[in-house]
Amino acid sequence: MEYVNPILIKMVLLGGQSTGKSCLLTRFREGKFEKEKRTTIGAAFVSKKIQALGKNVTLNIWDTAGSERYQSMTKMYYRGARAAILCYDVTDKSSFEKIRYWIGELQENEQFCRIYICGTKKDLIDNDPKVRAVSNDEAEVMAQDLQTCHFVTSSLTGENVDAVFQRIGEDYVKNMHSYPENQPKTNDDGDESFQLKPSSHDKASSSCSFASCFKR
């Protein structure tokens, strides 16, 4: 199928080292499980076309390094991102606790980025429930606080992987009018029509200016 004039969505994958971000992306992009573990250095970029609510959508995805030594570099990938998948390993409680760090980073650097929480390695707890370190209730509470979605995925089996990316595409299409790049340009706007000025936002606001964004 030909995709003409697609909607472009910039995304970032965030999470600690070994949380399965690259495996998640490989499963989504190529439909296969990456058996050999590899460490992302800096960030890797992939693009994939999908259809969401009848619209042609291109997901431009940055897979960022989870190692702490690369965290200062990761901020450059936040700018202009409209979705972020925050990954944690369901068998590693510390990886879940680290999500709070990424939430703070996004809220500080890119207010129009919607967050999605993604637990990885579901196949491990399916095989042995005792290895589960993060309860579904804990993750759901965080998702409710952010007014967003929580997915539990397996890159090995593919369970729920496509659902994460499909939901991102659909949410963006539903709320396209709320993003600055899609606002109508008036004759008086000139070259600054889509520029966000700090003075135009109430710093005390508890939420973004559109319903699809997360709570601060």
N, C-alpha and C. Protein backbone atom coordinates (compact mmCIF):
# COMPACT_ATOMS: atom_id res chain seq x y z
N MET A 1 0.84 -1.20 0.00
CA MET A 1 0.00 0.00 0.00
C MET A 1 0.87 1.25 0.00
N GLU A 2 0.49 2.24 -0.82
CA GLU A 2 1.21 3.49 -0.88
C GLU A 2 0.72 4.42 0.22
N TYR A 3 1.65 5.10 0.89
CA TYR A 3 1.31 6.07 1.91
C TYR A 3 1.66 7.45 1.37
N VAL A 4 0.64 8.26 1.07
CA VAL A 4 0.86 9.56 0.47
C VAL A 4 0.67 10.65 1.52
N ASN A 5 1.61 11.59 1.55
CA ASN A 5 1.54 12.70 2.49
C ASN A 5 1.23 12.23 3.92
N PRO A 6 2.08 11.43 4.50
CA PRO A 6 1.78 10.88 5.83
C PRO A 6 1.89 11.93 6.93
N ILE A 7 1.20 11.66 8.00
CA ILE A 7 1.36 12.44 9.23
C ILE A 7 2.64 11.95 9.90
N LEU A 8 3.50 12.86 10.27
CA LEU A 8 4.78 12.50 10.88
C LEU A 8 4.71 12.68 12.39
N ILE A 9 5.13 11.66 13.12
CA ILE A 9 5.14 11.74 14.59
C ILE A 9 6.54 11.39 15.08
N LYS A 10 7.16 12.31 15.76
CA LYS A 10 8.46 12.03 16.38
C LYS A 10 8.23 11.38 17.74
N MET A 11 8.92 10.27 17.97
CA MET A 11 8.80 9.52 19.22
C MET A 11 10.17 9.25 19.82
N VAL A 12 10.19 9.02 21.13
CA VAL A 12 11.42 8.58 21.79
C VAL A 12 11.10 7.38 22.67
N LEU A 13 12.05 6.45 22.74
CA LEU A 13 11.99 5.33 23.69
C LEU A 13 12.97 5.63 24.80
N LEU A 14 12.47 5.62 26.04
CA LEU A 14 13.30 5.93 27.19
C LEU A 14 13.20 4.81 28.22
N GLY A 15 14.25 4.65 28.98
CA GLY A 15 14.27 3.63 30.02
C GLY A 15 15.69 3.26 30.36
N GLY A 16 15.85 2.56 31.46
CA GLY A 16 17.18 2.16 31.89
C GLY A 16 17.80 1.13 30.98
N GLN A 17 19.07 0.88 31.23
CA GLN A 17 19.80 -0.10 30.43
C GLN A 17 19.21 -1.50 30.63
N SER A 18 19.11 -2.25 29.57
CA SER A 18 18.62 -3.64 29.59
C SER A 18 17.13 -3.75 29.90
N THR A 19 16.37 -2.70 29.65
CA THR A 19 14.92 -2.78 29.84
C THR A 19 14.22 -3.30 28.59
N GLY A 20 14.96 -3.55 27.53
CA GLY A 20 14.36 -4.15 26.35
C GLY A 20 13.82 -3.17 25.33
N LYS A 21 14.30 -1.93 25.35
CA LYS A 21 13.81 -0.92 24.40
C LYS A 21 14.11 -1.33 22.95
N SER A 22 15.35 -1.72 22.71
CA SER A 22 15.75 -2.07 21.34
C SER A 22 15.02 -3.32 20.84
N CYS A 23 14.80 -4.27 21.74
CA CYS A 23 14.07 -5.48 21.37
C CYS A 23 12.61 -5.15 21.03
N LEU A 24 12.04 -4.24 21.80
CA LEU A 24 10.67 -3.79 21.54
C LEU A 24 10.58 -3.18 20.15
N LEU A 25 11.54 -2.33 19.83
CA LEU A 25 11.53 -1.64 18.54
C LEU A 25 11.77 -2.60 17.38
N THR A 26 12.68 -3.56 17.58
CA THR A 26 12.95 -4.54 16.53
C THR A 26 11.73 -5.40 16.26
N ARG A 27 11.04 -5.81 17.31
CA ARG A 27 9.82 -6.61 17.15
C ARG A 27 8.77 -5.81 16.38
N PHE A 28 8.61 -4.53 16.70
CA PHE A 28 7.63 -3.70 16.01
C PHE A 28 8.02 -3.46 14.56
N ARG A 29 9.26 -3.15 14.33
CA ARG A 29 9.71 -2.80 12.98
C ARG A 29 9.84 -4.01 12.07
N GLU A 30 10.40 -5.09 12.59
CA GLU A 30 10.74 -6.23 11.74
C GLU A 30 9.91 -7.48 12.03
N GLY A 31 9.14 -7.45 13.12
CA GLY A 31 8.31 -8.60 13.45
C GLY A 31 9.10 -9.80 13.93
N LYS A 32 10.26 -9.57 14.50
CA LYS A 32 11.07 -10.68 14.98
C LYS A 32 11.73 -10.31 16.31
N PHE A 33 12.19 -11.34 17.01
CA PHE A 33 12.85 -11.14 18.29
C PHE A 33 14.35 -11.10 18.09
N GLU A 34 14.99 -10.10 18.67
CA GLU A 34 16.42 -9.94 18.57
C GLU A 34 17.09 -10.76 19.67
N LYS A 35 17.65 -11.90 19.30
CA LYS A 35 18.21 -12.82 20.30
C LYS A 35 19.49 -12.29 20.93
N GLU A 36 20.35 -11.69 20.13
CA GLU A 36 21.62 -11.21 20.65
C GLU A 36 21.44 -9.84 21.29
N LYS A 37 21.85 -9.74 22.53
CA LYS A 37 21.73 -8.47 23.24
C LYS A 37 22.77 -7.49 22.72
N ARG A 38 22.33 -6.25 22.52
CA ARG A 38 23.27 -5.21 22.10
C ARG A 38 22.97 -3.94 22.88
N THR A 39 23.97 -3.13 23.06
CA THR A 39 23.82 -1.89 23.81
C THR A 39 23.74 -0.72 22.84
N THR A 40 22.69 0.09 22.98
CA THR A 40 22.56 1.27 22.14
C THR A 40 23.53 2.34 22.62
N ILE A 41 24.28 2.90 21.68
CA ILE A 41 25.24 3.97 21.99
C ILE A 41 24.65 5.28 21.49
N GLY A 42 24.37 6.19 22.41
CA GLY A 42 23.76 7.46 22.02
C GLY A 42 22.29 7.26 21.72
N ALA A 43 21.97 7.02 20.46
CA ALA A 43 20.58 6.76 20.05
C ALA A 43 20.58 6.14 18.67
N ALA A 44 19.55 5.37 18.40
CA ALA A 44 19.36 4.77 17.08
C ALA A 44 18.02 5.26 16.54
N PHE A 45 17.94 5.43 15.22
CA PHE A 45 16.73 5.96 14.60
C PHE A 45 16.13 4.94 13.64
N VAL A 46 14.82 4.76 13.74
CA VAL A 46 14.10 3.95 12.76
C VAL A 46 12.78 4.65 12.43
N SER A 47 12.23 4.32 11.29
CA SER A 47 10.97 4.90 10.86
C SER A 47 10.07 3.78 10.35
N LYS A 48 8.78 3.87 10.68
CA LYS A 48 7.83 2.87 10.19
C LYS A 48 6.49 3.53 9.91
N LYS A 49 5.84 3.06 8.84
CA LYS A 49 4.56 3.60 8.43
C LYS A 49 3.43 2.70 8.93
N ILE A 50 2.39 3.34 9.44
CA ILE A 50 1.21 2.62 9.89
C ILE A 50 -0.03 3.38 9.42
N GLN A 51 -1.18 2.79 9.62
CA GLN A 51 -2.43 3.50 9.44
C GLN A 51 -3.11 3.62 10.78
N ALA A 52 -3.62 4.82 11.06
CA ALA A 52 -4.30 5.07 12.33
C ALA A 52 -5.56 5.88 12.06
N LEU A 53 -6.69 5.31 12.38
CA LEU A 53 -7.99 5.96 12.19
C LEU A 53 -8.16 6.45 10.75
N GLY A 54 -7.70 5.64 9.82
CA GLY A 54 -7.86 5.96 8.41
C GLY A 54 -6.84 6.93 7.85
N LYS A 55 -5.88 7.33 8.67
CA LYS A 55 -4.85 8.27 8.24
C LYS A 55 -3.53 7.54 8.05
N ASN A 56 -2.73 8.03 7.08
CA ASN A 56 -1.39 7.51 6.87
C ASN A 56 -0.43 8.18 7.85
N VAL A 57 0.23 7.41 8.65
CA VAL A 57 1.08 7.93 9.73
C VAL A 57 2.48 7.33 9.62
N THR A 58 3.48 8.17 9.75
CA THR A 58 4.86 7.71 9.82
C THR A 58 5.39 7.97 11.22
N LEU A 59 5.81 6.91 11.89
CA LEU A 59 6.41 7.03 13.22
C LEU A 59 7.92 7.14 13.06
N ASN A 60 8.47 8.26 13.45
CA ASN A 60 9.92 8.47 13.45
C ASN A 60 10.41 8.28 14.88
N ILE A 61 11.10 7.19 15.11
CA ILE A 61 11.37 6.74 16.47
C ILE A 61 12.85 6.80 16.81
N TRP A 62 13.16 7.45 17.92
CA TRP A 62 14.53 7.49 18.45
C TRP A 62 14.62 6.54 19.63
N ASP A 63 15.46 5.54 19.51
CA ASP A 63 15.73 4.58 20.58
C ASP A 63 16.97 5.05 21.32
N THR A 64 16.78 5.57 22.53
CA THR A 64 17.88 6.19 23.26
C THR A 64 18.62 5.18 24.13
N ALA A 65 19.87 5.50 24.42
CA ALA A 65 20.69 4.64 25.26
C ALA A 65 20.23 4.72 26.71
N GLY A 66 20.21 3.57 27.38
CA GLY A 66 19.77 3.55 28.77
C GLY A 66 20.87 3.80 29.77
N SER A 67 22.12 3.69 29.34
CA SER A 67 23.25 3.87 30.24
C SER A 67 23.30 5.30 30.76
N GLU A 68 23.61 5.46 32.03
CA GLU A 68 23.62 6.78 32.65
C GLU A 68 24.64 7.72 32.00
N ARG A 69 25.70 7.18 31.45
CA ARG A 69 26.72 8.06 30.87
C ARG A 69 26.23 8.75 29.60
N TYR A 70 25.13 8.28 29.04
CA TYR A 70 24.58 8.90 27.84
C TYR A 70 23.37 9.78 28.12
N GLN A 71 22.98 9.90 29.40
CA GLN A 71 21.75 10.62 29.71
C GLN A 71 21.80 12.09 29.36
N SER A 72 22.97 12.70 29.44
CA SER A 72 23.09 14.11 29.09
C SER A 72 22.84 14.32 27.60
N MET A 73 23.14 13.30 26.80
CA MET A 73 22.92 13.38 25.35
C MET A 73 21.46 13.16 25.00
N THR A 74 20.76 12.42 25.83
CA THR A 74 19.39 12.02 25.51
C THR A 74 18.45 13.21 25.39
N LYS A 75 18.72 14.29 26.10
CA LYS A 75 17.83 15.44 26.10
C LYS A 75 17.62 16.03 24.72
N MET A 76 18.63 15.92 23.85
CA MET A 76 18.50 16.50 22.52
C MET A 76 17.41 15.82 21.70
N TYR A 77 17.03 14.60 22.08
CA TYR A 77 16.03 13.88 21.33
C TYR A 77 14.61 14.17 21.82
N TYR A 78 14.48 14.87 22.95
CA TYR A 78 13.15 15.21 23.46
C TYR A 78 12.47 16.26 22.60
N ARG A 79 13.25 17.20 22.09
CA ARG A 79 12.68 18.37 21.42
C ARG A 79 11.83 17.96 20.22
N GLY A 80 10.60 18.40 20.23
CA GLY A 80 9.70 18.10 19.13
C GLY A 80 9.05 16.72 19.21
N ALA A 81 9.40 15.93 20.22
CA ALA A 81 8.79 14.60 20.36
C ALA A 81 7.34 14.75 20.79
N ARG A 82 6.47 13.97 20.16
CA ARG A 82 5.05 14.01 20.50
C ARG A 82 4.60 12.79 21.27
N ALA A 83 5.49 11.82 21.41
CA ALA A 83 5.18 10.63 22.21
C ALA A 83 6.47 10.05 22.77
N ALA A 84 6.38 9.52 23.97
CA ALA A 84 7.52 8.86 24.60
C ALA A 84 7.05 7.58 25.25
N ILE A 85 7.72 6.48 24.91
CA ILE A 85 7.44 5.20 25.56
C ILE A 85 8.47 5.02 26.66
N LEU A 86 8.01 4.97 27.90
CA LEU A 86 8.90 4.78 29.04
C LEU A 86 8.88 3.30 29.39
N CYS A 87 10.00 2.64 29.17
CA CYS A 87 10.08 1.19 29.35
C CYS A 87 10.65 0.80 30.70
N TYR A 88 10.08 -0.25 31.27
CA TYR A 88 10.65 -0.84 32.47
C TYR A 88 10.56 -2.35 32.35
N ASP A 89 11.45 -3.04 33.00
CA ASP A 89 11.49 -4.49 33.01
C ASP A 89 10.60 -4.99 34.16
N VAL A 90 9.60 -5.80 33.85
CA VAL A 90 8.66 -6.25 34.88
C VAL A 90 9.33 -7.10 35.96
N THR A 91 10.56 -7.56 35.71
CA THR A 91 11.28 -8.36 36.71
C THR A 91 12.32 -7.53 37.47
N ASP A 92 12.35 -6.23 37.24
CA ASP A 92 13.37 -5.36 37.84
C ASP A 92 12.71 -4.11 38.41
N LYS A 93 12.54 -4.07 39.72
CA LYS A 93 11.83 -2.96 40.38
C LYS A 93 12.56 -1.63 40.19
N SER A 94 13.88 -1.66 40.18
CA SER A 94 14.65 -0.42 40.03
C SER A 94 14.40 0.24 38.68
N SER A 95 14.15 -0.57 37.65
CA SER A 95 13.89 0.00 36.33
C SER A 95 12.54 0.73 36.30
N PHE A 96 11.59 0.25 37.10
CA PHE A 96 10.30 0.91 37.21
C PHE A 96 10.44 2.22 37.99
N GLU A 97 11.20 2.19 39.07
CA GLU A 97 11.40 3.39 39.87
C GLU A 97 12.10 4.49 39.07
N LYS A 98 12.90 4.09 38.11
CA LYS A 98 13.63 5.04 37.27
C LYS A 98 12.69 5.83 36.35
N ILE A 99 11.51 5.32 36.12
CA ILE A 99 10.56 5.99 35.24
C ILE A 99 10.26 7.41 35.72
N ARG A 100 10.23 7.59 37.03
CA ARG A 100 9.96 8.92 37.57
C ARG A 100 10.98 9.94 37.09
N TYR A 101 12.21 9.49 36.92
CA TYR A 101 13.26 10.38 36.40
C TYR A 101 12.92 10.83 34.99
N TRP A 102 12.52 9.89 34.14
CA TRP A 102 12.22 10.23 32.75
C TRP A 102 10.98 11.12 32.65
N ILE A 103 10.02 10.90 33.52
CA ILE A 103 8.83 11.76 33.54
C ILE A 103 9.24 13.21 33.81
N GLY A 104 10.09 13.39 34.81
CA GLY A 104 10.56 14.73 35.13
C GLY A 104 11.32 15.37 33.98
N GLU A 105 12.15 14.59 33.32
CA GLU A 105 12.92 15.09 32.18
C GLU A 105 11.99 15.58 31.07
N LEU A 106 10.98 14.80 30.76
CA LEU A 106 10.06 15.16 29.69
C LEU A 106 9.23 16.38 30.06
N GLN A 107 8.75 16.42 31.27
CA GLN A 107 7.94 17.55 31.69
C GLN A 107 8.74 18.85 31.67
N GLU A 108 10.02 18.75 31.92
CA GLU A 108 10.88 19.94 31.93
C GLU A 108 11.28 20.37 30.53
N ASN A 109 11.42 19.42 29.61
CA ASN A 109 12.00 19.73 28.31
C ASN A 109 11.04 19.74 27.13
N GLU A 110 9.91 19.04 27.22
CA GLU A 110 8.99 18.99 26.06
C GLU A 110 7.56 18.79 26.54
N GLN A 111 6.85 19.91 26.72
CA GLN A 111 5.53 19.84 27.33
C GLN A 111 4.47 19.21 26.42
N PHE A 112 4.70 19.14 25.13
CA PHE A 112 3.71 18.58 24.22
C PHE A 112 3.97 17.12 23.90
N CYS A 113 4.76 16.45 24.74
CA CYS A 113 5.06 15.03 24.53
C CYS A 113 4.18 14.19 25.45
N ARG A 114 3.42 13.30 24.87
CA ARG A 114 2.56 12.42 25.67
C ARG A 114 3.33 11.17 26.06
N ILE A 115 3.14 10.75 27.29
CA ILE A 115 3.86 9.61 27.85
C ILE A 115 3.02 8.34 27.78
N TYR A 116 3.71 7.23 27.49
CA TYR A 116 3.10 5.90 27.53
C TYR A 116 4.03 5.00 28.34
N ILE A 117 3.47 4.25 29.29
CA ILE A 117 4.28 3.39 30.15
C ILE A 117 4.22 1.96 29.60
N CYS A 118 5.39 1.35 29.50
CA CYS A 118 5.46 0.03 28.87
C CYS A 118 6.33 -0.93 29.69
N GLY A 119 5.69 -1.94 30.27
CA GLY A 119 6.42 -3.01 30.93
C GLY A 119 6.87 -4.02 29.88
N THR A 120 8.10 -4.46 29.96
CA THR A 120 8.66 -5.40 28.99
C THR A 120 8.92 -6.77 29.64
N LYS A 121 9.19 -7.75 28.79
CA LYS A 121 9.58 -9.11 29.22
C LYS A 121 8.45 -9.87 29.91
N LYS A 122 7.23 -9.67 29.40
CA LYS A 122 6.07 -10.36 29.97
C LYS A 122 6.22 -11.88 29.91
N ASP A 123 6.92 -12.37 28.91
CA ASP A 123 7.10 -13.82 28.77
C ASP A 123 7.81 -14.43 29.98
N LEU A 124 8.66 -13.63 30.64
CA LEU A 124 9.38 -14.14 31.81
C LEU A 124 8.43 -14.40 32.97
N ILE A 125 7.48 -13.50 33.18
CA ILE A 125 6.54 -13.71 34.30
C ILE A 125 5.45 -14.69 33.91
N ASP A 126 5.20 -14.85 32.61
CA ASP A 126 4.27 -15.89 32.18
C ASP A 126 4.83 -17.27 32.49
N ASN A 127 6.14 -17.40 32.32
CA ASN A 127 6.80 -18.68 32.59
C ASN A 127 7.00 -18.93 34.08
N ASP A 128 7.21 -17.85 34.84
CA ASP A 128 7.44 -17.97 36.28
C ASP A 128 6.94 -16.72 36.97
N PRO A 129 5.70 -16.72 37.45
CA PRO A 129 5.13 -15.53 38.10
C PRO A 129 5.93 -15.01 39.28
N LYS A 130 6.74 -15.86 39.88
CA LYS A 130 7.52 -15.45 41.05
C LYS A 130 8.58 -14.40 40.73
N VAL A 131 8.99 -14.30 39.48
CA VAL A 131 10.05 -13.35 39.13
C VAL A 131 9.52 -11.94 38.94
N ARG A 132 8.22 -11.79 38.99
CA ARG A 132 7.63 -10.47 38.80
C ARG A 132 8.01 -9.56 39.96
N ALA A 133 8.54 -8.37 39.62
CA ALA A 133 8.98 -7.42 40.65
C ALA A 133 8.11 -6.17 40.70
N VAL A 134 7.31 -5.95 39.67
CA VAL A 134 6.44 -4.78 39.60
C VAL A 134 5.01 -5.26 39.37
N SER A 135 4.13 -4.97 40.31
CA SER A 135 2.75 -5.40 40.16
C SER A 135 2.04 -4.55 39.13
N ASN A 136 1.02 -5.14 38.53
CA ASN A 136 0.24 -4.40 37.54
C ASN A 136 -0.45 -3.20 38.19
N ASP A 137 -0.85 -3.35 39.44
CA ASP A 137 -1.53 -2.26 40.15
C ASP A 137 -0.61 -1.05 40.31
N GLU A 138 0.66 -1.29 40.63
CA GLU A 138 1.62 -0.18 40.76
C GLU A 138 1.73 0.61 39.48
N ALA A 139 1.86 -0.09 38.39
CA ALA A 139 2.02 0.57 37.10
C ALA A 139 0.75 1.29 36.69
N GLU A 140 -0.41 0.69 36.99
CA GLU A 140 -1.67 1.32 36.64
C GLU A 140 -1.89 2.62 37.41
N VAL A 141 -1.46 2.64 38.66
CA VAL A 141 -1.59 3.87 39.46
C VAL A 141 -0.77 4.99 38.83
N MET A 142 0.45 4.67 38.40
CA MET A 142 1.28 5.67 37.75
C MET A 142 0.63 6.15 36.46
N ALA A 143 0.09 5.22 35.69
CA ALA A 143 -0.55 5.58 34.42
C ALA A 143 -1.77 6.48 34.66
N GLN A 144 -2.54 6.16 35.69
CA GLN A 144 -3.70 6.99 36.01
C GLN A 144 -3.28 8.39 36.43
N ASP A 145 -2.20 8.47 37.17
CA ASP A 145 -1.69 9.77 37.60
C ASP A 145 -1.29 10.63 36.41
N LEU A 146 -0.77 9.99 35.37
CA LEU A 146 -0.33 10.69 34.17
C LEU A 146 -1.43 10.81 33.12
N GLN A 147 -2.58 10.24 33.42
CA GLN A 147 -3.71 10.21 32.49
C GLN A 147 -3.27 9.60 31.15
N THR A 148 -2.63 8.45 31.25
CA THR A 148 -2.13 7.80 30.05
C THR A 148 -2.35 6.30 30.12
N CYS A 149 -1.69 5.57 29.22
CA CYS A 149 -1.90 4.12 29.11
C CYS A 149 -0.71 3.34 29.63
N HIS A 150 -0.99 2.15 30.11
CA HIS A 150 0.05 1.23 30.56
C HIS A 150 -0.10 -0.06 29.77
N PHE A 151 1.00 -0.51 29.17
CA PHE A 151 1.02 -1.76 28.42
C PHE A 151 2.04 -2.70 29.05
N VAL A 152 1.76 -4.00 28.99
CA VAL A 152 2.74 -5.01 29.37
C VAL A 152 3.00 -5.84 28.13
N THR A 153 4.24 -5.87 27.68
CA THR A 153 4.58 -6.44 26.39
C THR A 153 5.60 -7.57 26.49
N SER A 154 5.67 -8.34 25.42
CA SER A 154 6.73 -9.34 25.27
C SER A 154 7.30 -9.22 23.87
N SER A 155 8.56 -8.83 23.78
CA SER A 155 9.21 -8.77 22.48
C SER A 155 9.50 -10.17 21.94
N LEU A 156 9.56 -11.14 22.84
CA LEU A 156 9.80 -12.53 22.42
C LEU A 156 8.60 -13.07 21.65
N THR A 157 7.41 -12.88 22.21
CA THR A 157 6.20 -13.41 21.57
C THR A 157 5.49 -12.38 20.70
N GLY A 158 5.80 -11.12 20.92
CA GLY A 158 5.14 -10.04 20.19
C GLY A 158 3.88 -9.53 20.86
N GLU A 159 3.52 -10.10 22.00
CA GLU A 159 2.28 -9.72 22.67
C GLU A 159 2.26 -8.22 23.03
N ASN A 160 1.22 -7.55 22.59
CA ASN A 160 0.94 -6.14 22.89
C ASN A 160 1.93 -5.14 22.28
N VAL A 161 2.92 -5.60 21.54
CA VAL A 161 3.92 -4.68 21.00
C VAL A 161 3.29 -3.73 19.98
N ASP A 162 2.61 -4.27 18.99
CA ASP A 162 1.98 -3.41 17.98
C ASP A 162 0.94 -2.50 18.61
N ALA A 163 0.29 -2.97 19.67
CA ALA A 163 -0.77 -2.19 20.31
C ALA A 163 -0.23 -0.87 20.86
N VAL A 164 1.00 -0.88 21.37
CA VAL A 164 1.59 0.35 21.92
C VAL A 164 1.71 1.41 20.83
N PHE A 165 2.32 1.03 19.73
CA PHE A 165 2.58 1.98 18.65
C PHE A 165 1.29 2.39 17.94
N GLN A 166 0.36 1.46 17.83
CA GLN A 166 -0.92 1.78 17.22
C GLN A 166 -1.67 2.81 18.05
N ARG A 167 -1.64 2.64 19.36
CA ARG A 167 -2.33 3.59 20.24
C ARG A 167 -1.72 4.99 20.13
N ILE A 168 -0.40 5.04 20.01
CA ILE A 168 0.27 6.34 19.87
C ILE A 168 -0.19 7.04 18.59
N GLY A 169 -0.24 6.29 17.49
CA GLY A 169 -0.70 6.88 16.24
C GLY A 169 -2.13 7.37 16.33
N GLU A 170 -2.99 6.58 16.94
CA GLU A 170 -4.40 6.95 17.05
C GLU A 170 -4.60 8.16 17.96
N ASP A 171 -3.88 8.21 19.08
CA ASP A 171 -4.00 9.35 19.99
C ASP A 171 -3.57 10.64 19.31
N TYR A 172 -2.50 10.56 18.54
CA TYR A 172 -2.02 11.76 17.86
C TYR A 172 -3.04 12.23 16.83
N VAL A 173 -3.56 11.31 16.03
CA VAL A 173 -4.54 11.68 15.00
C VAL A 173 -5.78 12.31 15.64
N LYS A 174 -6.23 11.73 16.76
CA LYS A 174 -7.42 12.26 17.44
C LYS A 174 -7.21 13.69 17.93
N ASN A 175 -5.97 14.01 18.31
CA ASN A 175 -5.70 15.30 18.95
C ASN A 175 -4.77 16.19 18.14
N MET A 176 -4.72 15.97 16.83
CA MET A 176 -3.81 16.73 15.98
C MET A 176 -3.96 18.24 16.14
N HIS A 177 -5.20 18.68 16.27
CA HIS A 177 -5.46 20.12 16.34
C HIS A 177 -4.85 20.77 17.58
N SER A 178 -4.49 19.97 18.57
CA SER A 178 -3.98 20.51 19.83
C SER A 178 -2.48 20.81 19.80
N TYR A 179 -1.78 20.34 18.78
CA TYR A 179 -0.33 20.52 18.73
C TYR A 179 0.03 21.77 17.96
N PRO A 180 1.06 22.49 18.39
CA PRO A 180 1.39 23.78 17.76
C PRO A 180 1.71 23.69 16.28
N GLU A 181 2.31 22.58 15.84
CA GLU A 181 2.66 22.47 14.42
C GLU A 181 1.44 22.34 13.52
N ASN A 182 0.29 22.05 14.12
CA ASN A 182 -0.93 21.88 13.33
C ASN A 182 -1.91 23.03 13.50
N GLN A 183 -1.50 24.08 14.21
CA GLN A 183 -2.36 25.23 14.38
C GLN A 183 -2.40 26.04 13.09
N PRO A 184 -3.56 26.58 12.74
CA PRO A 184 -3.66 27.40 11.51
C PRO A 184 -2.80 28.65 11.62
N LYS A 185 -2.16 28.98 10.54
CA LYS A 185 -1.30 30.16 10.50
C LYS A 185 -2.11 31.36 10.03
N THR A 186 -2.05 32.46 10.80
CA THR A 186 -2.76 33.68 10.43
C THR A 186 -1.81 34.65 9.76
N ASN A 187 -2.36 35.66 9.14
CA ASN A 187 -1.54 36.64 8.42
C ASN A 187 -0.63 37.41 9.34
N ASP A 188 -1.03 37.54 10.60
CA ASP A 188 -0.23 38.32 11.55
C ASP A 188 0.85 37.51 12.23
N ASP A 189 0.84 36.20 12.01
CA ASP A 189 1.78 35.36 12.73
C ASP A 189 3.21 35.52 12.24
N GLY A 190 3.37 35.71 10.93
CA GLY A 190 4.72 35.83 10.40
C GLY A 190 5.51 34.57 10.59
N ASP A 191 6.80 34.72 10.82
CA ASP A 191 7.69 33.57 10.95
C ASP A 191 7.61 32.92 12.31
N GLU A 192 6.90 33.53 13.26
CA GLU A 192 6.88 33.02 14.63
C GLU A 192 5.57 32.30 14.93
N SER A 193 4.84 31.89 13.90
CA SER A 193 3.50 31.36 14.12
C SER A 193 3.46 30.12 14.99
N PHE A 194 4.49 29.26 14.92
CA PHE A 194 4.46 28.01 15.67
C PHE A 194 5.47 27.99 16.80
N GLN A 195 6.10 29.11 17.09
CA GLN A 195 7.10 29.13 18.14
C GLN A 195 6.43 29.27 19.50
N LEU A 196 6.84 28.45 20.43
CA LEU A 196 6.28 28.51 21.78
C LEU A 196 7.12 29.47 22.61
N LYS A 197 6.48 30.45 23.18
CA LYS A 197 7.20 31.43 23.98
C LYS A 197 6.94 31.16 25.46
N PRO A 198 7.98 31.09 26.28
CA PRO A 198 7.79 30.80 27.70
C PRO A 198 6.80 31.72 28.38
N SER A 199 6.77 32.99 27.95
CA SER A 199 5.92 33.96 28.62
C SER A 199 4.44 33.71 28.38
N SER A 200 4.12 32.88 27.37
CA SER A 200 2.72 32.65 27.04
C SER A 200 2.09 31.53 27.84
N HIS A 201 2.86 30.87 28.72
CA HIS A 201 2.34 29.75 29.50
C HIS A 201 2.35 30.09 30.98
N ASP A 202 1.33 29.67 31.67
CA ASP A 202 1.26 29.87 33.11
C ASP A 202 2.08 28.80 33.80
N LYS A 203 3.17 29.19 34.43
CA LYS A 203 4.06 28.22 35.05
C LYS A 203 3.41 27.48 36.19
N ALA A 204 2.34 28.02 36.74
CA ALA A 204 1.68 27.37 37.87
C ALA A 204 0.63 26.37 37.42
N SER A 205 0.44 26.26 36.12
CA SER A 205 -0.59 25.36 35.61
C SER A 205 -0.29 23.92 36.00
N SER A 206 -1.35 23.17 36.35
CA SER A 206 -1.17 21.78 36.76
C SER A 206 -1.29 20.81 35.60
N SER A 207 -1.61 21.31 34.41
CA SER A 207 -1.75 20.42 33.26
C SER A 207 -1.43 21.16 31.99
N CYS A 208 -1.24 20.42 30.90
CA CYS A 208 -1.01 21.02 29.60
C CYS A 208 -2.29 21.65 29.10
N SER A 209 -2.16 22.37 27.99
CA SER A 209 -3.30 23.12 27.48
C SER A 209 -4.24 22.28 26.64
N PHE A 210 -3.95 20.98 26.49
CA PHE A 210 -4.85 20.14 25.73
C PHE A 210 -5.08 18.82 26.44
N ALA A 211 -6.25 18.25 26.21
CA ALA A 211 -6.73 17.13 27.03
C ALA A 211 -5.87 15.89 26.92
N SER A 212 -5.18 15.70 25.80
CA SER A 212 -4.44 14.45 25.60
C SER A 212 -3.11 14.44 26.33
N CYS A 213 -2.70 15.57 26.88
CA CYS A 213 -1.39 15.61 27.52
C CYS A 213 -1.50 15.10 28.95
N PHE A 214 -0.34 14.83 29.56
CA PHE A 214 -0.35 14.27 30.89
C PHE A 214 -0.35 15.36 31.95
N LYS A 215 -0.71 14.98 33.18
CA LYS A 215 -0.65 15.93 34.29
C LYS A 215 0.80 16.26 34.60
N ARG A 216 1.01 17.46 35.09
CA ARG A 216 2.36 17.82 35.55
C ARG A 216 2.51 17.46 37.01
